[in-house]
Amino acid sequence: MKLHLSRVHLQALYRQMLCIRRFESKCVELYQAQRIRGFLHLYDGEEAVAAGVMAALEPRDAVVATYREHGHALAHGVSMNVILAEMLGKVEGCCRGRGGSMHLFDRERRFFGGNAIVGGGLPLAAGIAMADQRLRPGAVTACFFGEGAVGEGAFHETMNLAELWRLPLIFVCENNLYAMGVPLEDSESETDIWRKAQAYRMTSEQVDGMDPVQVEAAARRAVEHSRAGHGPYFLECRTYRFRAHSMFDTQAYRTREEIAGWKHRDPIERLRAWMTDNHHLTADEASAIDASVAAEIAAAAAFAEEGTLEPVEDLERFVLMDRVVQDITSQGAP
């Protein structure tokens, strides 16, 4: 599919990626100030995948993400205010502060979370797609996962059933080459992940995950295929994370020179340069976008900081174990 992108659309793609990048920088700042606790997995370098895929989706479509899901949530329209409030553990967060960085969820936006378990979102996505096949004809589900998930049994089980049942499911493999810290060639005998989908007779392709326009074009092919009832579609997006796997990662498995080499392919800078050279973005427009993103992040940070913590007396709310035990014992069970 050849895209005919307007100037407005290209600038929207650029703004979306810049927003994700700057948001992640703010998260680092808050983490270092100990305002964000626990695990933190950042999306720097991979912005083109989220921005490109989400541009091809509609509000009726569902998204299942990984634990590196801030970019997915932002690109799918989840409020930056509630995302940052969630990460600061505030009641105003999308999960009342109980999910944190790895477990964002927004029912209204049909954003079904980050999942902390590698490959854990795959069978969930199949279930959502199966329900939509019956209850929301025409809706598709986009499931994001890293190349590290392809070694999980759940990956192969889900791939098989998705093709067997012709589910409206878009598999989006964000192949950043290292999973958590093992080079792809040391963990997989077949390093072209898209070929694994062919074993299940699934339509599949590989795309440059550092180019949002290429990603969007591929995503639109995939969505059109699944929406028309032709079953699942597999996209392998070759990308690279500029930051460590998590804030606790020493990155002993790769060199600074390698990271610097990939940064020459920065999706944000590449798109900005191309747009400037082709008269789709002026210096004044770029400055205005930058200022707009900075203001949005500042407002979200203020909203999150001013949020409220869960009252101590409510900390056991939503914890069901005691209730289950009481029900069992009241029925005379040992």
C-alpha atoms as a PDB file:
ATOM      1  CA  MET A   1       0.000   0.000   0.000  1.00  0.00           C
ATOM      2  CA  LYS A   2       1.361   3.395  -1.016  1.00  0.00           C
ATOM      3  CA  LEU A   3       0.566   6.174   1.440  1.00  0.00           C
ATOM      4  CA  HIS A   4      -0.423   9.623   0.285  1.00  0.00           C
ATOM      5  CA  LEU A   5       0.451  11.528   3.426  1.00  0.00           C
ATOM      6  CA  SER A   6      -0.567  15.116   3.908  1.00  0.00           C
ATOM      7  CA  ARG A   7       1.636  17.738   5.482  1.00  0.00           C
ATOM      8  CA  VAL A   8      -0.665  17.768   8.513  1.00  0.00           C
ATOM      9  CA  HIS A   9      -0.431  14.010   8.936  1.00  0.00           C
ATOM     10  CA  LEU A  10       3.361  13.985   8.673  1.00  0.00           C
ATOM     11  CA  GLN A  11       3.603  16.692  11.307  1.00  0.00           C
ATOM     12  CA  ALA A  12       1.243  14.696  13.533  1.00  0.00           C
ATOM     13  CA  LEU A  13       3.519  11.640  13.217  1.00  0.00           C
ATOM     14  CA  TYR A  14       6.516  13.781  14.088  1.00  0.00           C
ATOM     15  CA  ARG A  15       4.763  15.321  17.097  1.00  0.00           C
ATOM     16  CA  GLN A  16       3.635  11.913  18.340  1.00  0.00           C
ATOM     17  CA  MET A  17       7.168  10.529  18.305  1.00  0.00           C
ATOM     18  CA  LEU A  18       8.606  13.659  19.903  1.00  0.00           C
ATOM     19  CA  CYS A  19       5.941  13.500  22.605  1.00  0.00           C
ATOM     20  CA  ILE A  20       6.894   9.899  23.438  1.00  0.00           C
ATOM     21  CA  ARG A  21      10.622  10.719  23.512  1.00  0.00           C
ATOM     22  CA  ARG A  22      10.168  13.740  25.772  1.00  0.00           C
ATOM     23  CA  PHE A  23       7.750  11.870  28.007  1.00  0.00           C
ATOM     24  CA  GLU A  24      10.334   9.148  28.558  1.00  0.00           C
ATOM     25  CA  SER A  25      12.953  11.772  29.424  1.00  0.00           C
ATOM     26  CA  LYS A  26      10.566  13.171  32.023  1.00  0.00           C
ATOM     27  CA  CYS A  27      10.115   9.672  33.430  1.00  0.00           C
ATOM     28  CA  VAL A  28      13.888   9.347  33.850  1.00  0.00           C
ATOM     29  CA  GLU A  29      13.937  12.660  35.700  1.00  0.00           C
ATOM     30  CA  LEU A  30      11.132  11.582  38.015  1.00  0.00           C
ATOM     31  CA  TYR A  31      12.681   8.152  38.559  1.00  0.00           C
ATOM     32  CA  GLN A  32      16.019   9.662  39.546  1.00  0.00           C
ATOM     33  CA  ALA A  33      14.158  11.939  41.957  1.00  0.00           C
ATOM     34  CA  GLN A  34      12.529   8.776  43.409  1.00  0.00           C
ATOM     35  CA  ARG A  35       9.065   9.981  42.438  1.00  0.00           C
ATOM     36  CA  ILE A  36       8.622   6.887  40.229  1.00  0.00           C
ATOM     37  CA  ARG A  37       9.450   3.600  41.961  1.00  0.00           C
ATOM     38  CA  GLY A  38       9.881   0.004  40.873  1.00  0.00           C
ATOM     39  CA  PHE A  39      10.705  -1.084  37.333  1.00  0.00           C
ATOM     40  CA  LEU A  40      10.885   1.356  34.437  1.00  0.00           C
ATOM     41  CA  HIS A  41      11.300   0.276  30.804  1.00  0.00           C
ATOM     42  CA  LEU A  42      11.743   3.115  28.317  1.00  0.00           C
ATOM     43  CA  TYR A  43      10.825   3.338  24.630  1.00  0.00           C
ATOM     44  CA  ASP A  44      13.494   5.715  23.284  1.00  0.00           C
ATOM     45  CA  GLY A  45      14.414   4.753  19.717  1.00  0.00           C
ATOM     46  CA  GLU A  46      11.293   2.656  19.072  1.00  0.00           C
ATOM     47  CA  GLU A  47       8.824   5.530  18.695  1.00  0.00           C
ATOM     48  CA  ALA A  48       8.241   4.950  14.977  1.00  0.00           C
ATOM     49  CA  VAL A  49       6.614   1.584  15.673  1.00  0.00           C
ATOM     50  CA  ALA A  50       3.957   2.866  18.075  1.00  0.00           C
ATOM     51  CA  ALA A  51       3.294   6.030  16.069  1.00  0.00           C
ATOM     52  CA  GLY A  52       3.076   4.192  12.742  1.00  0.00           C
ATOM     53  CA  VAL A  53       0.874   1.313  13.894  1.00  0.00           C
ATOM     54  CA  MET A  54      -1.526   3.444  15.944  1.00  0.00           C
ATOM     55  CA  ALA A  55      -2.024   5.778  12.968  1.00  0.00           C
ATOM     56  CA  ALA A  56      -3.576   2.834  11.120  1.00  0.00           C
ATOM     57  CA  LEU A  57      -6.002   1.926  13.907  1.00  0.00           C
ATOM     58  CA  GLU A  58      -9.459   3.260  14.739  1.00  0.00           C
ATOM     59  CA  PRO A  59     -11.119   3.927  18.137  1.00  0.00           C
ATOM     60  CA  ARG A  60     -13.015   0.612  17.881  1.00  0.00           C
ATOM     61  CA  ASP A  61      -9.736  -1.332  17.698  1.00  0.00           C
ATOM     62  CA  ALA A  62      -7.996  -2.883  20.709  1.00  0.00           C
ATOM     63  CA  VAL A  63      -4.345  -2.776  21.730  1.00  0.00           C
ATOM     64  CA  VAL A  64      -2.399  -5.222  23.904  1.00  0.00           C
ATOM     65  CA  ALA A  65       1.090  -4.055  24.833  1.00  0.00           C
ATOM     66  CA  THR A  66       4.223  -5.157  26.679  1.00  0.00           C
ATOM     67  CA  TYR A  67       5.864  -3.849  29.850  1.00  0.00           C
ATOM     68  CA  ARG A  68       7.562  -1.195  27.635  1.00  0.00           C
ATOM     69  CA  GLU A  69       4.209   0.372  26.836  1.00  0.00           C
ATOM     70  CA  HIS A  70       4.297   4.112  27.629  1.00  0.00           C
ATOM     71  CA  GLY A  71       4.679   4.902  23.918  1.00  0.00           C
ATOM     72  CA  HIS A  72       1.876   2.534  22.918  1.00  0.00           C
ATOM     73  CA  ALA A  73      -0.508   4.074  25.444  1.00  0.00           C
ATOM     74  CA  LEU A  74       0.284   7.658  24.442  1.00  0.00           C
ATOM     75  CA  ALA A  75      -0.003   6.909  20.725  1.00  0.00           C
ATOM     76  CA  HIS A  76      -3.336   5.144  21.244  1.00  0.00           C
ATOM     77  CA  GLY A  77      -4.782   8.208  22.933  1.00  0.00           C
ATOM     78  CA  VAL A  78      -4.533   7.343  26.620  1.00  0.00           C
ATOM     79  CA  SER A  79      -4.279  10.609  28.544  1.00  0.00           C
ATOM     80  CA  MET A  80      -0.736  11.629  29.456  1.00  0.00           C
ATOM     81  CA  ASN A  81      -2.113  12.995  32.732  1.00  0.00           C
ATOM     82  CA  VAL A  82      -3.485   9.658  33.894  1.00  0.00           C
ATOM     83  CA  ILE A  83      -0.429   7.740  32.646  1.00  0.00           C
ATOM     84  CA  LEU A  84       1.965   9.867  34.668  1.00  0.00           C
ATOM     85  CA  ALA A  85      -0.356   9.882  37.679  1.00  0.00           C
ATOM     86  CA  GLU A  86      -0.386   6.081  37.495  1.00  0.00           C
ATOM     87  CA  MET A  87       3.384   5.946  37.426  1.00  0.00           C
ATOM     88  CA  LEU A  88       3.534   8.137  40.523  1.00  0.00           C
ATOM     89  CA  GLY A  89       1.101   5.801  42.288  1.00  0.00           C
ATOM     90  CA  LYS A  90      -1.754   8.304  42.441  1.00  0.00           C
ATOM     91  CA  VAL A  91      -5.472   7.541  42.597  1.00  0.00           C
ATOM     92  CA  GLU A  92      -5.991   9.713  39.519  1.00  0.00           C
ATOM     93  CA  GLY A  93      -3.948   7.221  37.489  1.00  0.00           C
ATOM     94  CA  CYS A  94      -5.547   4.903  34.950  1.00  0.00           C
ATOM     95  CA  CYS A  95      -5.393   2.019  37.480  1.00  0.00           C
ATOM     96  CA  ARG A  96      -5.666   4.143  40.641  1.00  0.00           C
ATOM     97  CA  GLY A  97      -1.897   3.950  41.013  1.00  0.00           C
ATOM     98  CA  ARG A  98      -1.939   0.190  41.543  1.00  0.00           C
ATOM     99  CA  GLY A  99      -0.459  -0.859  38.196  1.00  0.00           C
ATOM    100  CA  GLY A 100       2.439   1.509  37.744  1.00  0.00           C
ATOM    101  CA  SER A 101       4.715   1.688  34.719  1.00  0.00           C
ATOM    102  CA  MET A 102       4.207  -1.885  33.501  1.00  0.00           C
ATOM    103  CA  HIS A 103       0.430  -2.193  33.879  1.00  0.00           C
ATOM    104  CA  LEU A 104      -1.296   0.703  32.140  1.00  0.00           C
ATOM    105  CA  PHE A 105      -4.933   0.042  31.210  1.00  0.00           C
ATOM    106  CA  ASP A 106      -7.729   2.143  29.738  1.00  0.00           C
ATOM    107  CA  ARG A 107     -11.063   0.466  29.104  1.00  0.00           C
ATOM    108  CA  GLU A 108     -12.569   3.396  27.210  1.00  0.00           C
ATOM    109  CA  ARG A 109      -9.646   3.485  24.786  1.00  0.00           C
ATOM    110  CA  ARG A 110      -9.574  -0.308  24.535  1.00  0.00           C
ATOM    111  CA  PHE A 111      -5.986  -0.311  25.728  1.00  0.00           C
ATOM    112  CA  PHE A 112      -5.628  -3.672  27.460  1.00  0.00           C
ATOM    113  CA  GLY A 113      -2.427  -3.130  29.257  1.00  0.00           C
ATOM    114  CA  GLY A 114       1.094  -3.637  29.517  1.00  0.00           C
ATOM    115  CA  ASN A 115       1.921  -7.137  30.610  1.00  0.00           C
ATOM    116  CA  ALA A 116       4.921  -7.857  32.821  1.00  0.00           C
ATOM    117  CA  ILE A 117       5.186 -11.475  31.648  1.00  0.00           C
ATOM    118  CA  VAL A 118       7.174 -11.918  28.427  1.00  0.00           C
ATOM    119  CA  GLY A 119       4.683 -13.099  25.795  1.00  0.00           C
ATOM    120  CA  GLY A 120       1.840 -12.868  28.315  1.00  0.00           C
ATOM    121  CA  GLY A 121      -0.204 -10.531  26.156  1.00  0.00           C
ATOM    122  CA  LEU A 122      -0.340 -12.856  23.152  1.00  0.00           C
ATOM    123  CA  PRO A 123      -3.086 -15.238  24.317  1.00  0.00           C
ATOM    124  CA  LEU A 124      -4.988 -12.300  25.826  1.00  0.00           C
ATOM    125  CA  ALA A 125      -4.949 -10.579  22.439  1.00  0.00           C
ATOM    126  CA  ALA A 126      -6.262 -13.737  20.789  1.00  0.00           C
ATOM    127  CA  GLY A 127      -9.138 -13.821  23.270  1.00  0.00           C
ATOM    128  CA  ILE A 128     -10.022 -10.189  22.622  1.00  0.00           C
ATOM    129  CA  ALA A 129      -9.845 -10.722  18.850  1.00  0.00           C
ATOM    130  CA  MET A 130     -12.052 -13.810  19.149  1.00  0.00           C
ATOM    131  CA  ALA A 131     -14.655 -11.846  21.112  1.00  0.00           C
ATOM    132  CA  ASP A 132     -14.545  -8.995  18.595  1.00  0.00           C
ATOM    133  CA  GLN A 133     -14.926 -11.441  15.718  1.00  0.00           C
ATOM    134  CA  ARG A 134     -18.334 -12.315  17.167  1.00  0.00           C
ATOM    135  CA  LEU A 135     -19.410  -9.113  18.915  1.00  0.00           C
ATOM    136  CA  ARG A 136     -17.651  -6.243  17.094  1.00  0.00           C
ATOM    137  CA  PRO A 137     -17.342  -7.260  13.433  1.00  0.00           C
ATOM    138  CA  GLY A 138     -14.698  -5.163  11.707  1.00  0.00           C
ATOM    139  CA  ALA A 139     -12.669  -4.385  14.824  1.00  0.00           C
ATOM    140  CA  VAL A 140      -9.072  -5.583  14.971  1.00  0.00           C
ATOM    141  CA  THR A 141      -6.625  -6.129  17.813  1.00  0.00           C
ATOM    142  CA  ALA A 142      -2.980  -5.042  17.624  1.00  0.00           C
ATOM    143  CA  CYS A 143      -0.680  -7.077  19.855  1.00  0.00           C
ATOM    144  CA  PHE A 144       2.820  -5.743  20.540  1.00  0.00           C
ATOM    145  CA  PHE A 145       5.637  -7.956  21.780  1.00  0.00           C
ATOM    146  CA  GLY A 146       9.408  -8.179  21.605  1.00  0.00           C
ATOM    147  CA  GLU A 147      11.478 -10.754  19.760  1.00  0.00           C
ATOM    148  CA  GLY A 148      12.277 -12.357  23.117  1.00  0.00           C
ATOM    149  CA  ALA A 149       8.663 -13.552  23.271  1.00  0.00           C
ATOM    150  CA  VAL A 150       8.991 -15.771  20.195  1.00  0.00           C
ATOM    151  CA  GLY A 151      10.749 -18.426  22.266  1.00  0.00           C
ATOM    152  CA  GLU A 152       7.703 -18.792  24.516  1.00  0.00           C
ATOM    153  CA  GLY A 153       5.187 -21.563  23.992  1.00  0.00           C
ATOM    154  CA  ALA A 154       2.374 -19.009  24.204  1.00  0.00           C
ATOM    155  CA  PHE A 155       3.710 -17.341  21.054  1.00  0.00           C
ATOM    156  CA  HIS A 156       3.427 -20.497  18.967  1.00  0.00           C
ATOM    157  CA  GLU A 157       0.111 -21.553  20.461  1.00  0.00           C
ATOM    158  CA  THR A 158      -1.385 -18.130  19.773  1.00  0.00           C
ATOM    159  CA  MET A 159       0.000 -17.960  16.243  1.00  0.00           C
ATOM    160  CA  ASN A 160      -1.453 -21.356  15.412  1.00  0.00           C
ATOM    161  CA  LEU A 161      -4.931 -20.642  16.792  1.00  0.00           C
ATOM    162  CA  ALA A 162      -5.063 -17.115  15.336  1.00  0.00           C
ATOM    163  CA  GLU A 163      -4.498 -18.454  11.826  1.00  0.00           C
ATOM    164  CA  LEU A 164      -6.664 -21.523  12.373  1.00  0.00           C
ATOM    165  CA  TRP A 165      -9.601 -19.391  13.531  1.00  0.00           C
ATOM    166  CA  ARG A 166      -8.859 -16.495  11.142  1.00  0.00           C
ATOM    167  CA  LEU A 167      -8.810 -13.999  13.984  1.00  0.00           C
ATOM    168  CA  PRO A 168      -8.681 -10.231  13.263  1.00  0.00           C
ATOM    169  CA  LEU A 169      -5.323  -9.934  15.007  1.00  0.00           C
ATOM    170  CA  ILE A 170      -2.248  -7.908  14.034  1.00  0.00           C
ATOM    171  CA  PHE A 171       0.958  -9.304  15.521  1.00  0.00           C
ATOM    172  CA  VAL A 172       3.537  -6.513  15.904  1.00  0.00           C
ATOM    173  CA  CYS A 173       6.970  -7.845  16.811  1.00  0.00           C
ATOM    174  CA  GLU A 174       9.229  -5.012  17.988  1.00  0.00           C
ATOM    175  CA  ASN A 175      12.548  -6.642  17.229  1.00  0.00           C
ATOM    176  CA  ASN A 176      15.178  -4.560  19.047  1.00  0.00           C
ATOM    177  CA  LEU A 177      17.758  -7.357  18.657  1.00  0.00           C
ATOM    178  CA  TYR A 178      18.518  -8.100  22.321  1.00  0.00           C
ATOM    179  CA  ALA A 179      15.360  -9.116  24.181  1.00  0.00           C
ATOM    180  CA  MET A 180      16.539  -8.379  27.716  1.00  0.00           C
ATOM    181  CA  GLY A 181      20.259  -8.745  27.035  1.00  0.00           C
ATOM    182  CA  VAL A 182      20.923 -11.726  24.781  1.00  0.00           C
ATOM    183  CA  PRO A 183      21.804 -11.032  21.121  1.00  0.00           C
ATOM    184  CA  LEU A 184      19.161 -12.357  18.764  1.00  0.00           C
ATOM    185  CA  GLU A 185      21.609 -14.620  16.920  1.00  0.00           C
ATOM    186  CA  ASP A 186      22.477 -16.315  20.229  1.00  0.00           C
ATOM    187  CA  SER A 187      18.878 -17.206  21.021  1.00  0.00           C
ATOM    188  CA  GLU A 188      17.174 -17.882  17.681  1.00  0.00           C
ATOM    189  CA  SER A 189      18.368 -20.088  14.805  1.00  0.00           C
ATOM    190  CA  GLU A 190      16.088 -18.100  12.471  1.00  0.00           C
ATOM    191  CA  THR A 191      16.720 -14.391  13.073  1.00  0.00           C
ATOM    192  CA  ASP A 192      14.170 -13.180  10.503  1.00  0.00           C
ATOM    193  CA  ILE A 193      11.240 -13.397  12.890  1.00  0.00           C
ATOM    194  CA  TRP A 194       8.621 -12.778  10.197  1.00  0.00           C
ATOM    195  CA  ARG A 195       9.530 -16.132   8.649  1.00  0.00           C
ATOM    196  CA  LYS A 196       8.276 -17.914  11.763  1.00  0.00           C
ATOM    197  CA  ALA A 197       4.783 -16.693  10.939  1.00  0.00           C
ATOM    198  CA  GLN A 198       5.016 -18.350   7.542  1.00  0.00           C
ATOM    199  CA  ALA A 199       5.233 -21.717   9.286  1.00  0.00           C
ATOM    200  CA  TYR A 200       1.610 -21.093  10.281  1.00  0.00           C
ATOM    201  CA  ARG A 201       0.690 -19.960   6.737  1.00  0.00           C
ATOM    202  CA  MET A 202       0.193 -16.440   8.086  1.00  0.00           C
ATOM    203  CA  THR A 203       0.662 -13.359   5.900  1.00  0.00           C
ATOM    204  CA  SER A 204       3.786 -11.635   7.184  1.00  0.00           C
ATOM    205  CA  GLU A 205       6.423  -9.048   6.365  1.00  0.00           C
ATOM    206  CA  GLN A 206       9.451  -7.271   7.777  1.00  0.00           C
ATOM    207  CA  VAL A 207       9.612  -3.480   7.905  1.00  0.00           C
ATOM    208  CA  ASP A 208      12.103  -0.785   8.932  1.00  0.00           C
ATOM    209  CA  GLY A 209      10.949   0.004  12.463  1.00  0.00           C
ATOM    210  CA  MET A 210      12.961   3.231  12.479  1.00  0.00           C
ATOM    211  CA  ASP A 211      10.742   4.780   9.780  1.00  0.00           C
ATOM    212  CA  PRO A 212       7.198   5.730  10.873  1.00  0.00           C
ATOM    213  CA  VAL A 213       5.972   6.112   7.296  1.00  0.00           C
ATOM    214  CA  GLN A 214       7.066   2.594   6.355  1.00  0.00           C
ATOM    215  CA  VAL A 215       5.561   1.247   9.574  1.00  0.00           C
ATOM    216  CA  GLU A 216       2.243   2.993   8.952  1.00  0.00           C
ATOM    217  CA  ALA A 217       2.070   1.725   5.366  1.00  0.00           C
ATOM    218  CA  ALA A 218       2.675  -1.845   6.539  1.00  0.00           C
ATOM    219  CA  ALA A 219       0.202  -1.452   9.400  1.00  0.00           C
ATOM    220  CA  ARG A 220      -2.481  -0.234   7.009  1.00  0.00           C
ATOM    221  CA  ARG A 221      -1.909  -3.295   4.817  1.00  0.00           C
ATOM    222  CA  ALA A 222      -2.244  -5.471   7.894  1.00  0.00           C
ATOM    223  CA  VAL A 223      -5.389  -3.753   9.184  1.00  0.00           C
ATOM    224  CA  GLU A 224      -7.073  -3.863   5.775  1.00  0.00           C
ATOM    225  CA  HIS A 225      -6.269  -7.591   5.542  1.00  0.00           C
ATOM    226  CA  SER A 226      -7.690  -8.436   8.974  1.00  0.00           C
ATOM    227  CA  ARG A 227     -10.682  -6.110   8.794  1.00  0.00           C
ATOM    228  CA  ALA A 228     -11.735  -7.793   5.564  1.00  0.00           C
ATOM    229  CA  GLY A 229     -11.922 -11.142   7.351  1.00  0.00           C
ATOM    230  CA  HIS A 230      -8.723 -12.634   5.937  1.00  0.00           C
ATOM    231  CA  GLY A 231      -7.296 -13.524   9.331  1.00  0.00           C
ATOM    232  CA  PRO A 232      -4.205 -12.401  11.229  1.00  0.00           C
ATOM    233  CA  TYR A 233      -1.206 -10.515   9.885  1.00  0.00           C
ATOM    234  CA  PHE A 234       2.362 -10.513  11.209  1.00  0.00           C
ATOM    235  CA  LEU A 235       4.658  -7.479  11.183  1.00  0.00           C
ATOM    236  CA  GLU A 236       8.289  -7.669  12.244  1.00  0.00           C
ATOM    237  CA  CYS A 237       9.519  -4.136  12.920  1.00  0.00           C
ATOM    238  CA  ARG A 238      13.309  -3.965  13.060  1.00  0.00           C
ATOM    239  CA  THR A 239      14.095  -1.337  15.651  1.00  0.00           C
ATOM    240  CA  TYR A 240      16.520  -0.507  18.462  1.00  0.00           C
ATOM    241  CA  ARG A 241      16.186   0.847  21.982  1.00  0.00           C
ATOM    242  CA  PHE A 242      18.595   3.658  22.731  1.00  0.00           C
ATOM    243  CA  ARG A 243      18.379   3.218  26.492  1.00  0.00           C
ATOM    244  CA  ALA A 244      19.033   0.208  28.689  1.00  0.00           C
ATOM    245  CA  HIS A 245      16.501  -2.619  28.957  1.00  0.00           C
ATOM    246  CA  SER A 246      15.423  -1.161  32.297  1.00  0.00           C
ATOM    247  CA  MET A 247      16.842   1.284  34.800  1.00  0.00           C
ATOM    248  CA  PHE A 248      18.732  -1.620  36.436  1.00  0.00           C
ATOM    249  CA  ASP A 249      20.500  -2.754  33.248  1.00  0.00           C
ATOM    250  CA  THR A 250      24.283  -2.217  32.937  1.00  0.00           C
ATOM    251  CA  GLN A 251      24.202  -2.959  29.159  1.00  0.00           C
ATOM    252  CA  ALA A 252      27.339  -5.108  29.257  1.00  0.00           C
ATOM    253  CA  TYR A 253      26.104  -6.972  26.176  1.00  0.00           C
ATOM    254  CA  ARG A 254      26.510  -4.087  23.689  1.00  0.00           C
ATOM    255  CA  THR A 255      28.987  -1.311  22.951  1.00  0.00           C
ATOM    256  CA  ARG A 256      28.646   2.454  22.992  1.00  0.00           C
ATOM    257  CA  GLU A 257      29.770   2.482  19.378  1.00  0.00           C
ATOM    258  CA  GLU A 258      26.872   0.239  18.391  1.00  0.00           C
ATOM    259  CA  ILE A 259      24.367   2.457  20.170  1.00  0.00           C
ATOM    260  CA  ALA A 260      25.854   5.553  18.548  1.00  0.00           C
ATOM    261  CA  GLY A 261      25.587   3.889  15.141  1.00  0.00           C
ATOM    262  CA  TRP A 262      21.896   3.220  15.603  1.00  0.00           C
ATOM    263  CA  LYS A 263      21.306   6.766  16.829  1.00  0.00           C
ATOM    264  CA  HIS A 264      22.282   7.940  13.352  1.00  0.00           C
ATOM    265  CA  ARG A 265      19.003   6.294  12.311  1.00  0.00           C
ATOM    266  CA  ASP A 266      16.985   8.103  14.993  1.00  0.00           C
ATOM    267  CA  PRO A 267      13.384   8.001  13.663  1.00  0.00           C
ATOM    268  CA  ILE A 268      12.586  11.470  14.972  1.00  0.00           C
ATOM    269  CA  GLU A 269      15.614  13.167  13.476  1.00  0.00           C
ATOM    270  CA  ARG A 270      15.252  11.275  10.183  1.00  0.00           C
ATOM    271  CA  LEU A 271      11.633  12.314   9.741  1.00  0.00           C
ATOM    272  CA  ARG A 272      12.341  15.882  10.769  1.00  0.00           C
ATOM    273  CA  ALA A 273      15.218  16.174   8.278  1.00  0.00           C
ATOM    274  CA  TRP A 274      13.146  14.653   5.449  1.00  0.00           C
ATOM    275  CA  MET A 275      10.179  16.906   6.186  1.00  0.00           C
ATOM    276  CA  THR A 276      12.408  19.977   6.296  1.00  0.00           C
ATOM    277  CA  ASP A 277      14.149  19.082   3.043  1.00  0.00           C
ATOM    278  CA  ASN A 278      10.798  18.490   1.330  1.00  0.00           C
ATOM    279  CA  HIS A 279       9.134  21.643   2.689  1.00  0.00           C
ATOM    280  CA  HIS A 280       6.715  19.828   5.007  1.00  0.00           C
ATOM    281  CA  LEU A 281       8.108  21.442   8.168  1.00  0.00           C
ATOM    282  CA  THR A 282       9.461  24.927   8.711  1.00  0.00           C
ATOM    283  CA  ALA A 283      11.721  26.022  11.551  1.00  0.00           C
ATOM    284  CA  ASP A 284       8.844  27.996  13.091  1.00  0.00           C
ATOM    285  CA  GLU A 285       6.526  24.979  12.901  1.00  0.00           C
ATOM    286  CA  ALA A 286       9.156  22.746  14.495  1.00  0.00           C
ATOM    287  CA  SER A 287       9.597  25.260  17.330  1.00  0.00           C
ATOM    288  CA  ALA A 288       5.839  25.445  17.846  1.00  0.00           C
ATOM    289  CA  ILE A 289       5.551  21.642  18.025  1.00  0.00           C
ATOM    290  CA  ASP A 290       8.447  21.495  20.475  1.00  0.00           C
ATOM    291  CA  ALA A 291       6.836  24.133  22.711  1.00  0.00           C
ATOM    292  CA  SER A 292       3.464  22.374  22.544  1.00  0.00           C
ATOM    293  CA  VAL A 293       4.970  19.041  23.605  1.00  0.00           C
ATOM    294  CA  ALA A 294       6.931  20.675  26.439  1.00  0.00           C
ATOM    295  CA  ALA A 295       3.771  22.354  27.731  1.00  0.00           C
ATOM    296  CA  GLU A 296       1.784  19.119  27.600  1.00  0.00           C
ATOM    297  CA  ILE A 297       4.438  17.251  29.579  1.00  0.00           C
ATOM    298  CA  ALA A 298       4.737  20.037  32.152  1.00  0.00           C
ATOM    299  CA  ALA A 299       0.959  20.017  32.638  1.00  0.00           C
ATOM    300  CA  ALA A 300       0.909  16.228  33.024  1.00  0.00           C
ATOM    301  CA  ALA A 301       3.739  16.330  35.566  1.00  0.00           C
ATOM    302  CA  ALA A 302       1.895  18.981  37.581  1.00  0.00           C
ATOM    303  CA  PHE A 303      -1.332  16.945  37.437  1.00  0.00           C
ATOM    304  CA  ALA A 304       0.466  13.823  38.649  1.00  0.00           C
ATOM    305  CA  GLU A 305       2.349  15.583  41.448  1.00  0.00           C
ATOM    306  CA  GLU A 306      -0.863  17.178  42.698  1.00  0.00           C
ATOM    307  CA  GLY A 307      -2.678  13.830  42.696  1.00  0.00           C
ATOM    308  CA  THR A 308      -3.682  11.938  45.801  1.00  0.00           C
ATOM    309  CA  LEU A 309      -2.390   8.707  47.270  1.00  0.00           C
ATOM    310  CA  GLU A 310      -4.730   5.826  48.040  1.00  0.00           C
ATOM    311  CA  PRO A 311      -6.017   6.172  51.645  1.00  0.00           C
ATOM    312  CA  VAL A 312      -4.510   3.552  53.941  1.00  0.00           C
ATOM    313  CA  GLU A 313      -7.958   2.212  54.777  1.00  0.00           C
ATOM    314  CA  ASP A 314      -8.535   1.430  51.076  1.00  0.00           C
ATOM    315  CA  LEU A 315      -5.329  -0.505  50.476  1.00  0.00           C
ATOM    316  CA  GLU A 316      -7.131  -3.871  50.692  1.00  0.00           C
ATOM    317  CA  ARG A 317      -9.782  -2.767  48.243  1.00  0.00           C
ATOM    318  CA  PHE A 318      -9.817  -5.037  45.161  1.00  0.00           C
ATOM    319  CA  VAL A 319      -7.903  -7.717  47.106  1.00  0.00           C
ATOM    320  CA  LEU A 320     -10.181 -10.743  46.882  1.00  0.00           C
ATOM    321  CA  MET A 321      -8.291 -13.523  48.687  1.00  0.00           C
ATOM    322  CA  ASP A 322      -9.821 -12.961  52.132  1.00  0.00           C
ATOM    323  CA  ARG A 323     -13.302 -12.911  50.630  1.00  0.00           C
ATOM    324  CA  VAL A 324     -12.661 -16.161  48.751  1.00  0.00           C
ATOM    325  CA  VAL A 325     -11.352 -17.836  51.890  1.00  0.00           C
ATOM    326  CA  GLN A 326     -14.371 -16.642  53.857  1.00  0.00           C
ATOM    327  CA  ASP A 327     -16.739 -17.982  51.204  1.00  0.00           C
ATOM    328  CA  ILE A 328     -15.007 -21.375  51.210  1.00  0.00           C
ATOM    329  CA  THR A 329     -14.989 -21.720  55.002  1.00  0.00           C
ATOM    330  CA  SER A 330     -18.612 -20.582  55.285  1.00  0.00           C
ATOM    331  CA  GLN A 331     -19.533 -23.509  53.029  1.00  0.00           C
ATOM    332  CA  GLY A 332     -17.908 -25.951  55.417  1.00  0.00           C
ATOM    333  CA  ALA A 333     -14.717 -26.635  53.443  1.00  0.00           C
ATOM    334  CA  PRO A 334     -11.589 -27.459  55.482  1.00  0.00           C
END
